[in-house]
């Protein structure tokens, strides 16, 4: 099936923060989209998330311009080319952040989450580290594609909590995996078979933490034909609901050629 994609993305500081530690990457020409949510304080989080975005931009631009280009790290058997590229790019970003934190005390303990999606001629490949999410809207059905690397999600694997108990979970913002915390990181990778009309959403937890899934579904269904308005209403709803964190959203629609 021949497909093409269209996209929109934006980020907002929210209502409580003084600076934005989120970053996003929209590369329609190579069908790569990334959202990164930095952490570390004193602008360190912004540095870490920017490093992921710039590393991925550099990597995919270089490969697009030179088919023989290689990247540090070995190719892993059993992974598709798209999976290997996402895996290599994020792991190299992780090492760069970790190295910066260890060589310059100003950036000690900085890190970032990352969620990315790449489309090739056959499928969509999703990669993530942390609790930034990927959703897929198919028709009117919304599916959370990624699984949060968070203390709350780990707890839910061994216990059942109501929606209210989850909202009041004392450590729900603690993530258990992020780029930059160690010299290497495990990247979760998965393949998805896109269908014409699908809309994928990449977002930081500033969105998913303020806007529940039914609200996200309603907004995405409402604006399926207008991606910039979809992004705008998702972000503004997060701000209206509290806006306690930075909010970033990137949406990608699969269309027929």
C-alpha atoms as a PDB file:
ATOM      1  CA  UNK A   1       0.000   0.000   0.000  1.00  0.00           C
ATOM      2  CA  UNK A   2       1.439   3.354  -1.025  1.00  0.00           C
ATOM      3  CA  UNK A   3       0.898   5.996   1.636  1.00  0.00           C
ATOM      4  CA  UNK A   4       1.873   9.537   2.386  1.00  0.00           C
ATOM      5  CA  UNK A   5       1.759  11.356   5.711  1.00  0.00           C
ATOM      6  CA  UNK A   6       0.929  14.815   6.942  1.00  0.00           C
ATOM      7  CA  UNK A   7       1.778  16.193  10.360  1.00  0.00           C
ATOM      8  CA  UNK A   8       1.578  19.043  12.843  1.00  0.00           C
ATOM      9  CA  UNK A   9       3.260  19.696  16.161  1.00  0.00           C
ATOM     10  CA  UNK A  10       3.703  22.296  18.878  1.00  0.00           C
ATOM     11  CA  UNK A  11       4.900  22.767  22.436  1.00  0.00           C
ATOM     12  CA  UNK A  12       3.786  25.019  25.293  1.00  0.00           C
ATOM     13  CA  UNK A  13       5.419  25.955  28.595  1.00  0.00           C
ATOM     14  CA  UNK A  14       2.153  25.338  30.461  1.00  0.00           C
ATOM     15  CA  UNK A  15       0.799  27.434  33.333  1.00  0.00           C
ATOM     16  CA  UNK A  16       3.144  26.591  36.196  1.00  0.00           C
ATOM     17  CA  UNK A  17       6.667  26.314  34.746  1.00  0.00           C
ATOM     18  CA  UNK A  18       8.956  29.230  33.922  1.00  0.00           C
ATOM     19  CA  UNK A  19      10.789  27.513  31.062  1.00  0.00           C
ATOM     20  CA  UNK A  20      10.109  24.701  28.631  1.00  0.00           C
ATOM     21  CA  UNK A  21      12.167  21.507  28.927  1.00  0.00           C
ATOM     22  CA  UNK A  22      10.278  19.728  26.124  1.00  0.00           C
ATOM     23  CA  UNK A  23      11.568  19.524  22.566  1.00  0.00           C
ATOM     24  CA  UNK A  24      10.071  18.108  19.385  1.00  0.00           C
ATOM     25  CA  UNK A  25      11.276  17.093  15.957  1.00  0.00           C
ATOM     26  CA  UNK A  26       9.156  17.009  12.792  1.00  0.00           C
ATOM     27  CA  UNK A  27      11.017  15.719   9.709  1.00  0.00           C
ATOM     28  CA  UNK A  28       8.385  15.131   7.048  1.00  0.00           C
ATOM     29  CA  UNK A  29      11.059  14.579   4.393  1.00  0.00           C
ATOM     30  CA  UNK A  30      12.362  11.425   6.114  1.00  0.00           C
ATOM     31  CA  UNK A  31       9.106  10.551   7.935  1.00  0.00           C
ATOM     32  CA  UNK A  32      10.643  10.917  11.414  1.00  0.00           C
ATOM     33  CA  UNK A  33       8.875  12.464  14.407  1.00  0.00           C
ATOM     34  CA  UNK A  34      10.190  12.810  17.972  1.00  0.00           C
ATOM     35  CA  UNK A  35       9.019  14.202  21.316  1.00  0.00           C
ATOM     36  CA  UNK A  36      11.456  14.522  24.239  1.00  0.00           C
ATOM     37  CA  UNK A  37      10.667  15.639  27.797  1.00  0.00           C
ATOM     38  CA  UNK A  38      13.757  16.746  29.698  1.00  0.00           C
ATOM     39  CA  UNK A  39      14.423  16.574  33.418  1.00  0.00           C
ATOM     40  CA  UNK A  40      17.125  17.805  35.750  1.00  0.00           C
ATOM     41  CA  UNK A  41      16.212  21.387  36.606  1.00  0.00           C
ATOM     42  CA  UNK A  42      18.169  24.609  36.037  1.00  0.00           C
ATOM     43  CA  UNK A  43      17.600  24.228  32.259  1.00  0.00           C
ATOM     44  CA  UNK A  44      19.460  20.899  32.236  1.00  0.00           C
ATOM     45  CA  UNK A  45      16.343  19.088  31.096  1.00  0.00           C
ATOM     46  CA  UNK A  46      16.046  21.425  28.151  1.00  0.00           C
ATOM     47  CA  UNK A  47      19.652  20.637  27.210  1.00  0.00           C
ATOM     48  CA  UNK A  48      19.064  16.883  27.397  1.00  0.00           C
ATOM     49  CA  UNK A  49      15.874  16.908  25.317  1.00  0.00           C
ATOM     50  CA  UNK A  50      17.510  19.214  22.760  1.00  0.00           C
ATOM     51  CA  UNK A  51      20.453  16.812  22.488  1.00  0.00           C
ATOM     52  CA  UNK A  52      18.112  13.939  21.594  1.00  0.00           C
ATOM     53  CA  UNK A  53      16.342  16.011  18.963  1.00  0.00           C
ATOM     54  CA  UNK A  54      19.540  17.349  17.392  1.00  0.00           C
ATOM     55  CA  UNK A  55      21.263  13.954  17.429  1.00  0.00           C
ATOM     56  CA  UNK A  56      18.299  12.313  15.714  1.00  0.00           C
ATOM     57  CA  UNK A  57      18.044  15.159  13.199  1.00  0.00           C
ATOM     58  CA  UNK A  58      21.746  14.902  12.353  1.00  0.00           C
ATOM     59  CA  UNK A  59      21.659  11.120  12.070  1.00  0.00           C
ATOM     60  CA  UNK A  60      18.616  10.897   9.780  1.00  0.00           C
ATOM     61  CA  UNK A  61      19.780  13.825   7.634  1.00  0.00           C
ATOM     62  CA  UNK A  62      23.174  12.191   7.150  1.00  0.00           C
ATOM     63  CA  UNK A  63      21.676   8.819   6.247  1.00  0.00           C
ATOM     64  CA  UNK A  64      19.202  10.463   3.848  1.00  0.00           C
ATOM     65  CA  UNK A  65      22.070  12.187   2.031  1.00  0.00           C
ATOM     66  CA  UNK A  66      24.482   9.252   2.074  1.00  0.00           C
ATOM     67  CA  UNK A  67      23.177   5.710   1.714  1.00  0.00           C
ATOM     68  CA  UNK A  68      26.551   4.350   2.858  1.00  0.00           C
ATOM     69  CA  UNK A  69      26.577   6.362   6.099  1.00  0.00           C
ATOM     70  CA  UNK A  70      27.058   4.388   9.283  1.00  0.00           C
ATOM     71  CA  UNK A  71      26.482   5.170  12.942  1.00  0.00           C
ATOM     72  CA  UNK A  72      28.339   4.154  16.126  1.00  0.00           C
ATOM     73  CA  UNK A  73      27.124   0.856  17.528  1.00  0.00           C
ATOM     74  CA  UNK A  74      26.546  -2.478  15.916  1.00  0.00           C
ATOM     75  CA  UNK A  75      23.481  -3.457  13.955  1.00  0.00           C
ATOM     76  CA  UNK A  76      21.275  -5.820  15.932  1.00  0.00           C
ATOM     77  CA  UNK A  77      20.074  -8.972  14.216  1.00  0.00           C
ATOM     78  CA  UNK A  78      16.353  -9.524  14.060  1.00  0.00           C
ATOM     79  CA  UNK A  79      15.587  -5.810  13.841  1.00  0.00           C
ATOM     80  CA  UNK A  80      14.397  -4.088  10.696  1.00  0.00           C
ATOM     81  CA  UNK A  81      16.409  -1.210   9.237  1.00  0.00           C
ATOM     82  CA  UNK A  82      13.944   1.269  10.721  1.00  0.00           C
ATOM     83  CA  UNK A  83      14.173  -0.354  14.158  1.00  0.00           C
ATOM     84  CA  UNK A  84      17.959  -0.373  14.010  1.00  0.00           C
ATOM     85  CA  UNK A  85      18.079   3.303  13.072  1.00  0.00           C
ATOM     86  CA  UNK A  86      15.770   4.371  15.886  1.00  0.00           C
ATOM     87  CA  UNK A  87      17.588   2.150  18.354  1.00  0.00           C
ATOM     88  CA  UNK A  88      21.024   3.449  17.323  1.00  0.00           C
ATOM     89  CA  UNK A  89      19.963   7.105  17.279  1.00  0.00           C
ATOM     90  CA  UNK A  90      18.355   7.034  20.721  1.00  0.00           C
ATOM     91  CA  UNK A  91      21.148   5.006  22.317  1.00  0.00           C
ATOM     92  CA  UNK A  92      23.783   7.351  20.917  1.00  0.00           C
ATOM     93  CA  UNK A  93      21.751  10.297  22.199  1.00  0.00           C
ATOM     94  CA  UNK A  94      21.664   8.618  25.598  1.00  0.00           C
ATOM     95  CA  UNK A  95      25.444   8.172  25.657  1.00  0.00           C
ATOM     96  CA  UNK A  96      26.014  11.786  24.605  1.00  0.00           C
ATOM     97  CA  UNK A  97      23.773  13.065  27.410  1.00  0.00           C
ATOM     98  CA  UNK A  98      25.394  10.769  29.980  1.00  0.00           C
ATOM     99  CA  UNK A  99      28.882  11.817  28.877  1.00  0.00           C
ATOM    100  CA  UNK A 100      27.998  15.541  29.048  1.00  0.00           C
ATOM    101  CA  UNK A 101      26.625  15.058  32.558  1.00  0.00           C
ATOM    102  CA  UNK A 102      29.802  13.347  33.708  1.00  0.00           C
ATOM    103  CA  UNK A 103      32.212  15.809  32.090  1.00  0.00           C
ATOM    104  CA  UNK A 104      30.458  19.026  33.152  1.00  0.00           C
ATOM    105  CA  UNK A 105      29.046  19.372  36.677  1.00  0.00           C
ATOM    106  CA  UNK A 106      26.475  21.897  35.445  1.00  0.00           C
ATOM    107  CA  UNK A 107      24.667  19.053  33.678  1.00  0.00           C
ATOM    108  CA  UNK A 108      25.006  16.336  36.303  1.00  0.00           C
ATOM    109  CA  UNK A 109      22.006  13.994  36.499  1.00  0.00           C
ATOM    110  CA  UNK A 110      20.212  15.545  33.533  1.00  0.00           C
ATOM    111  CA  UNK A 111      18.100  13.253  31.422  1.00  0.00           C
ATOM    112  CA  UNK A 112      15.119  13.047  29.121  1.00  0.00           C
ATOM    113  CA  UNK A 113      12.327  10.794  27.995  1.00  0.00           C
ATOM    114  CA  UNK A 114      11.873  10.222  24.284  1.00  0.00           C
ATOM    115  CA  UNK A 115       9.207   8.802  22.013  1.00  0.00           C
ATOM    116  CA  UNK A 116       9.764   8.569  18.264  1.00  0.00           C
ATOM    117  CA  UNK A 117       8.016   7.172  15.219  1.00  0.00           C
ATOM    118  CA  UNK A 118       9.423   6.501  11.764  1.00  0.00           C
ATOM    119  CA  UNK A 119       7.459   5.501   8.679  1.00  0.00           C
ATOM    120  CA  UNK A 120       8.897   3.499   5.817  1.00  0.00           C
ATOM    121  CA  UNK A 121       7.168   2.058   2.770  1.00  0.00           C
ATOM    122  CA  UNK A 122       5.676  -0.829   4.744  1.00  0.00           C
ATOM    123  CA  UNK A 123       5.140   0.056   8.383  1.00  0.00           C
ATOM    124  CA  UNK A 124       5.445   2.451  11.264  1.00  0.00           C
ATOM    125  CA  UNK A 125       8.170   1.828  13.834  1.00  0.00           C
ATOM    126  CA  UNK A 126       7.777   3.266  17.336  1.00  0.00           C
ATOM    127  CA  UNK A 127      10.573   3.646  19.881  1.00  0.00           C
ATOM    128  CA  UNK A 128      10.417   5.048  23.386  1.00  0.00           C
ATOM    129  CA  UNK A 129      12.206   5.471  26.689  1.00  0.00           C
ATOM    130  CA  UNK A 130      10.316   6.864  29.689  1.00  0.00           C
ATOM    131  CA  UNK A 131       6.707   8.018  29.944  1.00  0.00           C
ATOM    132  CA  UNK A 132       6.272  10.140  26.830  1.00  0.00           C
ATOM    133  CA  UNK A 133       3.604   8.320  24.862  1.00  0.00           C
ATOM    134  CA  UNK A 134       2.453   7.256  21.411  1.00  0.00           C
ATOM    135  CA  UNK A 135      -1.273   6.852  20.734  1.00  0.00           C
ATOM    136  CA  UNK A 136      -2.997   5.682  17.560  1.00  0.00           C
ATOM    137  CA  UNK A 137      -6.487   6.760  16.515  1.00  0.00           C
ATOM    138  CA  UNK A 138      -8.070   4.333  14.053  1.00  0.00           C
ATOM    139  CA  UNK A 139     -11.556   5.451  13.092  1.00  0.00           C
ATOM    140  CA  UNK A 140     -12.924   6.429  16.492  1.00  0.00           C
ATOM    141  CA  UNK A 141     -10.872   3.917  18.495  1.00  0.00           C
ATOM    142  CA  UNK A 142      -7.916   5.261  20.490  1.00  0.00           C
ATOM    143  CA  UNK A 143      -5.087   2.937  21.515  1.00  0.00           C
ATOM    144  CA  UNK A 144      -2.082   3.729  23.715  1.00  0.00           C
ATOM    145  CA  UNK A 145       0.717   2.090  21.737  1.00  0.00           C
ATOM    146  CA  UNK A 146       3.570   2.575  24.209  1.00  0.00           C
ATOM    147  CA  UNK A 147       3.851   1.426  27.817  1.00  0.00           C
ATOM    148  CA  UNK A 148       5.085   3.956  30.387  1.00  0.00           C
ATOM    149  CA  UNK A 149       8.410   3.273  32.058  1.00  0.00           C
ATOM    150  CA  UNK A 150       7.088   4.629  35.343  1.00  0.00           C
ATOM    151  CA  UNK A 151       6.754   3.572  38.965  1.00  0.00           C
ATOM    152  CA  UNK A 152       2.975   3.787  38.666  1.00  0.00           C
ATOM    153  CA  UNK A 153       2.891   1.498  35.648  1.00  0.00           C
ATOM    154  CA  UNK A 154       5.177  -1.010  37.395  1.00  0.00           C
ATOM    155  CA  UNK A 155       2.845  -0.957  40.392  1.00  0.00           C
ATOM    156  CA  UNK A 156      -0.195  -1.547  38.173  1.00  0.00           C
ATOM    157  CA  UNK A 157       1.387  -4.805  37.004  1.00  0.00           C
ATOM    158  CA  UNK A 158       1.047  -6.229  40.514  1.00  0.00           C
ATOM    159  CA  UNK A 159      -2.006  -4.385  41.843  1.00  0.00           C
ATOM    160  CA  UNK A 160      -5.319  -2.966  40.677  1.00  0.00           C
ATOM    161  CA  UNK A 161      -6.032   0.711  41.231  1.00  0.00           C
ATOM    162  CA  UNK A 162      -9.136   2.729  40.460  1.00  0.00           C
ATOM    163  CA  UNK A 163      -8.825   5.818  38.269  1.00  0.00           C
ATOM    164  CA  UNK A 164      -9.019   7.972  41.407  1.00  0.00           C
ATOM    165  CA  UNK A 165      -6.308   5.933  43.146  1.00  0.00           C
ATOM    166  CA  UNK A 166      -4.086   6.247  40.083  1.00  0.00           C
ATOM    167  CA  UNK A 167      -4.612  10.007  40.032  1.00  0.00           C
ATOM    168  CA  UNK A 168      -3.629  10.209  43.709  1.00  0.00           C
ATOM    169  CA  UNK A 169      -0.729   7.745  43.511  1.00  0.00           C
ATOM    170  CA  UNK A 170       2.031   9.450  45.566  1.00  0.00           C
ATOM    171  CA  UNK A 171       4.886   8.710  43.153  1.00  0.00           C
ATOM    172  CA  UNK A 172       3.092   8.700  39.800  1.00  0.00           C
ATOM    173  CA  UNK A 173       5.584  11.119  38.235  1.00  0.00           C
ATOM    174  CA  UNK A 174       8.634   8.961  38.969  1.00  0.00           C
ATOM    175  CA  UNK A 175      10.009   7.313  35.834  1.00  0.00           C
ATOM    176  CA  UNK A 176      12.166   4.200  35.980  1.00  0.00           C
ATOM    177  CA  UNK A 177      13.924   4.583  32.625  1.00  0.00           C
ATOM    178  CA  UNK A 178      15.253   7.660  30.834  1.00  0.00           C
ATOM    179  CA  UNK A 179      18.023   8.753  28.479  1.00  0.00           C
ATOM    180  CA  UNK A 180      21.153  10.016  30.201  1.00  0.00           C
ATOM    181  CA  UNK A 181      20.950   8.218  33.534  1.00  0.00           C
ATOM    182  CA  UNK A 182      23.421   5.490  32.531  1.00  0.00           C
ATOM    183  CA  UNK A 183      25.960   5.028  29.740  1.00  0.00           C
ATOM    184  CA  UNK A 184      23.494   2.805  27.865  1.00  0.00           C
ATOM    185  CA  UNK A 185      19.731   2.462  27.791  1.00  0.00           C
ATOM    186  CA  UNK A 186      17.222  -0.138  26.649  1.00  0.00           C
ATOM    187  CA  UNK A 187      14.938   1.232  23.939  1.00  0.00           C
ATOM    188  CA  UNK A 188      11.501  -0.325  23.578  1.00  0.00           C
ATOM    189  CA  UNK A 189      10.770  -0.936  19.886  1.00  0.00           C
ATOM    190  CA  UNK A 190       7.616  -2.076  18.142  1.00  0.00           C
ATOM    191  CA  UNK A 191       6.185  -2.207  14.661  1.00  0.00           C
ATOM    192  CA  UNK A 192       2.709  -1.120  13.677  1.00  0.00           C
ATOM    193  CA  UNK A 193       0.914  -1.621  10.384  1.00  0.00           C
ATOM    194  CA  UNK A 194      -0.663   1.730   9.499  1.00  0.00           C
ATOM    195  CA  UNK A 195      -3.967   2.031   7.704  1.00  0.00           C
ATOM    196  CA  UNK A 196      -5.170   4.969   5.641  1.00  0.00           C
ATOM    197  CA  UNK A 197      -6.865   7.429   7.995  1.00  0.00           C
ATOM    198  CA  UNK A 198      -4.851   6.473  11.085  1.00  0.00           C
ATOM    199  CA  UNK A 199      -3.651   9.376  13.205  1.00  0.00           C
ATOM    200  CA  UNK A 200      -0.672   8.866  15.534  1.00  0.00           C
ATOM    201  CA  UNK A 201      -0.068  11.145  18.509  1.00  0.00           C
ATOM    202  CA  UNK A 202       3.280  11.604  20.235  1.00  0.00           C
ATOM    203  CA  UNK A 203       3.090  13.552  23.493  1.00  0.00           C
ATOM    204  CA  UNK A 204       4.885  14.401  26.701  1.00  0.00           C
ATOM    205  CA  UNK A 205       3.291  13.572  30.053  1.00  0.00           C
ATOM    206  CA  UNK A 206       2.297  17.225  30.360  1.00  0.00           C
ATOM    207  CA  UNK A 207      -0.508  16.269  27.976  1.00  0.00           C
ATOM    208  CA  UNK A 208      -1.341  12.721  29.071  1.00  0.00           C
ATOM    209  CA  UNK A 209      -1.144  13.718  32.743  1.00  0.00           C
ATOM    210  CA  UNK A 210      -3.746  16.481  32.356  1.00  0.00           C
ATOM    211  CA  UNK A 211      -6.011  15.112  29.600  1.00  0.00           C
ATOM    212  CA  UNK A 212      -7.464  11.648  30.063  1.00  0.00           C
ATOM    213  CA  UNK A 213      -7.779   9.158  27.234  1.00  0.00           C
ATOM    214  CA  UNK A 214     -11.505   9.763  26.556  1.00  0.00           C
ATOM    215  CA  UNK A 215     -10.796  13.500  26.226  1.00  0.00           C
ATOM    216  CA  UNK A 216      -7.835  12.838  23.935  1.00  0.00           C
ATOM    217  CA  UNK A 217     -10.013  10.534  21.829  1.00  0.00           C
ATOM    218  CA  UNK A 218     -12.808  13.103  21.564  1.00  0.00           C
ATOM    219  CA  UNK A 219     -10.457  15.877  20.455  1.00  0.00           C
ATOM    220  CA  UNK A 220      -8.639  13.697  17.930  1.00  0.00           C
ATOM    221  CA  UNK A 221     -11.886  12.429  16.391  1.00  0.00           C
ATOM    222  CA  UNK A 222     -13.217  15.991  16.213  1.00  0.00           C
ATOM    223  CA  UNK A 223     -10.188  17.333  14.332  1.00  0.00           C
ATOM    224  CA  UNK A 224      -9.169  14.358  12.169  1.00  0.00           C
ATOM    225  CA  UNK A 225      -9.306  16.574   9.086  1.00  0.00           C
ATOM    226  CA  UNK A 226      -7.400  19.490  10.662  1.00  0.00           C
ATOM    227  CA  UNK A 227      -4.162  18.479  12.359  1.00  0.00           C
ATOM    228  CA  UNK A 228      -3.025  21.974  13.485  1.00  0.00           C
ATOM    229  CA  UNK A 229      -6.374  22.476  15.255  1.00  0.00           C
ATOM    230  CA  UNK A 230      -6.051  19.015  16.793  1.00  0.00           C
ATOM    231  CA  UNK A 231      -2.663  19.932  18.273  1.00  0.00           C
ATOM    232  CA  UNK A 232      -3.918  23.314  19.430  1.00  0.00           C
ATOM    233  CA  UNK A 233      -6.960  21.930  21.252  1.00  0.00           C
ATOM    234  CA  UNK A 234      -4.984  19.094  22.865  1.00  0.00           C
ATOM    235  CA  UNK A 235      -2.442  21.553  24.261  1.00  0.00           C
ATOM    236  CA  UNK A 236      -4.992  24.148  25.312  1.00  0.00           C
ATOM    237  CA  UNK A 237      -7.076  21.483  27.070  1.00  0.00           C
ATOM    238  CA  UNK A 238      -4.017  20.377  29.030  1.00  0.00           C
ATOM    239  CA  UNK A 239      -3.403  23.993  30.056  1.00  0.00           C
ATOM    240  CA  UNK A 240      -7.051  24.515  30.977  1.00  0.00           C
ATOM    241  CA  UNK A 241      -7.031  21.333  33.069  1.00  0.00           C
ATOM    242  CA  UNK A 242      -4.103  22.601  35.123  1.00  0.00           C
ATOM    243  CA  UNK A 243      -1.077  22.990  32.891  1.00  0.00           C
ATOM    244  CA  UNK A 244       1.267  21.906  35.682  1.00  0.00           C
ATOM    245  CA  UNK A 245       3.951  20.765  33.234  1.00  0.00           C
ATOM    246  CA  UNK A 246       5.229  21.636  29.778  1.00  0.00           C
ATOM    247  CA  UNK A 247       2.933  20.274  27.060  1.00  0.00           C
ATOM    248  CA  UNK A 248       4.051  18.909  23.693  1.00  0.00           C
ATOM    249  CA  UNK A 249       2.088  17.140  20.965  1.00  0.00           C
ATOM    250  CA  UNK A 250       2.924  15.903  17.474  1.00  0.00           C
ATOM    251  CA  UNK A 251       0.250  14.305  15.303  1.00  0.00           C
ATOM    252  CA  UNK A 252       0.770  12.361  12.081  1.00  0.00           C
ATOM    253  CA  UNK A 253      -2.014  11.285   9.710  1.00  0.00           C
ATOM    254  CA  UNK A 254      -1.634   8.434   7.226  1.00  0.00           C
ATOM    255  CA  UNK A 255      -3.118   9.214   3.836  1.00  0.00           C
ATOM    256  CA  UNK A 256      -3.451   7.411   0.509  1.00  0.00           C
ATOM    257  CA  UNK A 257      -1.267   8.495  -2.378  1.00  0.00           C
END
